[in-house]
Amino acid sequence: MESLWQKNVNEILEDKKILDKECTADVCIIGGGITGISTAYNLSKVGKKVIILEREELANKATGNTTAKVTSQHRIIL
């Protein structure tokens, strides 16, 4: 089963390539999981140029394999 993140990462991120030259951006995000991708997406929507640095694949590992659901079995931690 393919996750929603893995299925849509190419649509969410316009330009996904290896950093092989010097470049500039308004914001550099370290980590291409759900937090990094969401932050980059929202910053780009307000006109910021964003670079995401990820050691492996974007939207993979925990992000790529999560169902991101909350159920009645989850306790509220106070």
C-alpha atoms as a PDB file:
ATOM      1  CA  MET A   1       0.000   0.000   0.000  1.00  0.00           C
ATOM      2  CA  GLU A   2       1.424   3.376  -1.009  1.00  0.00           C
ATOM      3  CA  SER A   3       1.056   6.237   1.434  1.00  0.00           C
ATOM      4  CA  LEU A   4      -0.602   9.541   0.558  1.00  0.00           C
ATOM      5  CA  TRP A   5       2.699  11.365   1.152  1.00  0.00           C
ATOM      6  CA  GLN A   6       4.707   9.090  -1.130  1.00  0.00           C
ATOM      7  CA  LYS A   7       2.022   9.189  -3.792  1.00  0.00           C
ATOM      8  CA  ASN A   8       1.840  13.013  -3.877  1.00  0.00           C
ATOM      9  CA  VAL A   9       5.356  14.186  -3.006  1.00  0.00           C
ATOM     10  CA  ASN A  10       6.161  15.012  -6.648  1.00  0.00           C
ATOM     11  CA  GLU A  11       3.037  17.168  -6.960  1.00  0.00           C
ATOM     12  CA  ILE A  12       3.712  18.948  -3.666  1.00  0.00           C
ATOM     13  CA  LEU A  13       7.340  19.681  -4.464  1.00  0.00           C
ATOM     14  CA  GLU A  14       7.836  21.319  -7.846  1.00  0.00           C
ATOM     15  CA  ASP A  15      11.576  20.815  -8.173  1.00  0.00           C
ATOM     16  CA  LYS A  16      13.054  17.702  -6.573  1.00  0.00           C
ATOM     17  CA  LYS A  17      16.720  17.280  -7.406  1.00  0.00           C
ATOM     18  CA  ILE A  18      20.124  16.695  -5.891  1.00  0.00           C
ATOM     19  CA  LEU A  19      21.947  19.770  -4.634  1.00  0.00           C
ATOM     20  CA  ASP A  20      25.004  19.818  -6.870  1.00  0.00           C
ATOM     21  CA  LYS A  21      25.807  23.524  -7.058  1.00  0.00           C
ATOM     22  CA  GLU A  22      25.735  26.665  -4.981  1.00  0.00           C
ATOM     23  CA  CYS A  23      22.260  28.132  -4.616  1.00  0.00           C
ATOM     24  CA  THR A  24      20.363  30.666  -2.546  1.00  0.00           C
ATOM     25  CA  ALA A  25      17.027  30.625  -0.767  1.00  0.00           C
ATOM     26  CA  ASP A  26      15.071  32.576   1.813  1.00  0.00           C
ATOM     27  CA  VAL A  27      14.768  29.484   4.022  1.00  0.00           C
ATOM     28  CA  CYS A  28      16.690  26.213   4.244  1.00  0.00           C
ATOM     29  CA  ILE A  29      14.872  23.327   5.933  1.00  0.00           C
ATOM     30  CA  ILE A  30      16.774  20.324   7.228  1.00  0.00           C
ATOM     31  CA  GLY A  31      14.666  17.176   6.915  1.00  0.00           C
ATOM     32  CA  GLY A  32      12.131  16.143   4.305  1.00  0.00           C
ATOM     33  CA  GLY A  33       9.541  14.503   6.519  1.00  0.00           C
ATOM     34  CA  ILE A  34       5.994  15.702   7.150  1.00  0.00           C
ATOM     35  CA  THR A  35       7.146  18.717   9.184  1.00  0.00           C
ATOM     36  CA  GLY A  36       9.806  19.847   6.720  1.00  0.00           C
ATOM     37  CA  ILE A  37       7.636  19.369   3.646  1.00  0.00           C
ATOM     38  CA  SER A  38       4.608  21.054   5.245  1.00  0.00           C
ATOM     39  CA  THR A  39       6.729  24.000   6.362  1.00  0.00           C
ATOM     40  CA  ALA A  40       8.331  24.349   2.926  1.00  0.00           C
ATOM     41  CA  TYR A  41       4.956  24.135   1.201  1.00  0.00           C
ATOM     42  CA  ASN A  42       3.395  26.829   3.374  1.00  0.00           C
ATOM     43  CA  LEU A  43       6.420  29.134   3.110  1.00  0.00           C
ATOM     44  CA  SER A  44       6.405  28.783  -0.677  1.00  0.00           C
ATOM     45  CA  LYS A  45       2.726  29.757  -0.750  1.00  0.00           C
ATOM     46  CA  VAL A  46       3.655  33.145   0.792  1.00  0.00           C
ATOM     47  CA  GLY A  47       6.410  33.721  -1.758  1.00  0.00           C
ATOM     48  CA  LYS A  48       9.502  32.366  -0.013  1.00  0.00           C
ATOM     49  CA  LYS A  49      12.138  30.434  -1.934  1.00  0.00           C
ATOM     50  CA  VAL A  50      12.752  27.269   0.090  1.00  0.00           C
ATOM     51  CA  ILE A  51      15.366  24.545  -0.072  1.00  0.00           C
ATOM     52  CA  ILE A  52      14.822  21.234   1.725  1.00  0.00           C
ATOM     53  CA  LEU A  53      17.921  19.230   2.584  1.00  0.00           C
ATOM     54  CA  GLU A  54      17.220  15.523   3.101  1.00  0.00           C
ATOM     55  CA  ARG A  55      19.865  12.828   3.466  1.00  0.00           C
ATOM     56  CA  GLU A  56      17.721  10.093   1.928  1.00  0.00           C
ATOM     57  CA  GLU A  57      14.311  10.266   0.226  1.00  0.00           C
ATOM     58  CA  LEU A  58      11.633  12.871   0.812  1.00  0.00           C
ATOM     59  CA  ALA A  59       8.429  11.755   2.535  1.00  0.00           C
ATOM     60  CA  ASN A  60       9.913   8.408   3.414  1.00  0.00           C
ATOM     61  CA  LYS A  61      10.405   6.341   6.597  1.00  0.00           C
ATOM     62  CA  ALA A  62       8.039   7.486   9.379  1.00  0.00           C
ATOM     63  CA  THR A  63       6.259  10.080   7.219  1.00  0.00           C
ATOM     64  CA  GLY A  64       5.896   7.797   4.240  1.00  0.00           C
ATOM     65  CA  ASN A  65       4.510   4.925   6.251  1.00  0.00           C
ATOM     66  CA  THR A  66       2.227   6.677   8.711  1.00  0.00           C
ATOM     67  CA  THR A  67      -1.527   6.625   8.591  1.00  0.00           C
ATOM     68  CA  ALA A  68      -1.506   9.907  10.552  1.00  0.00           C
ATOM     69  CA  LYS A  69      -4.696   9.047  12.339  1.00  0.00           C
ATOM     70  CA  VAL A  70      -5.923   9.648  15.831  1.00  0.00           C
ATOM     71  CA  THR A  71      -8.404   7.220  17.302  1.00  0.00           C
ATOM     72  CA  SER A  72     -10.247   6.789  20.552  1.00  0.00           C
ATOM     73  CA  GLN A  73      -7.452   4.442  21.610  1.00  0.00           C
ATOM     74  CA  HIS A  74      -4.996   7.360  21.844  1.00  0.00           C
ATOM     75  CA  ARG A  75      -4.802   8.789  25.335  1.00  0.00           C
ATOM     76  CA  ILE A  76      -4.730  12.497  26.014  1.00  0.00           C
ATOM     77  CA  ILE A  77      -1.510  13.314  27.820  1.00  0.00           C
ATOM     78  CA  LEU A  78      -1.886  16.102  30.344  1.00  0.00           C
END
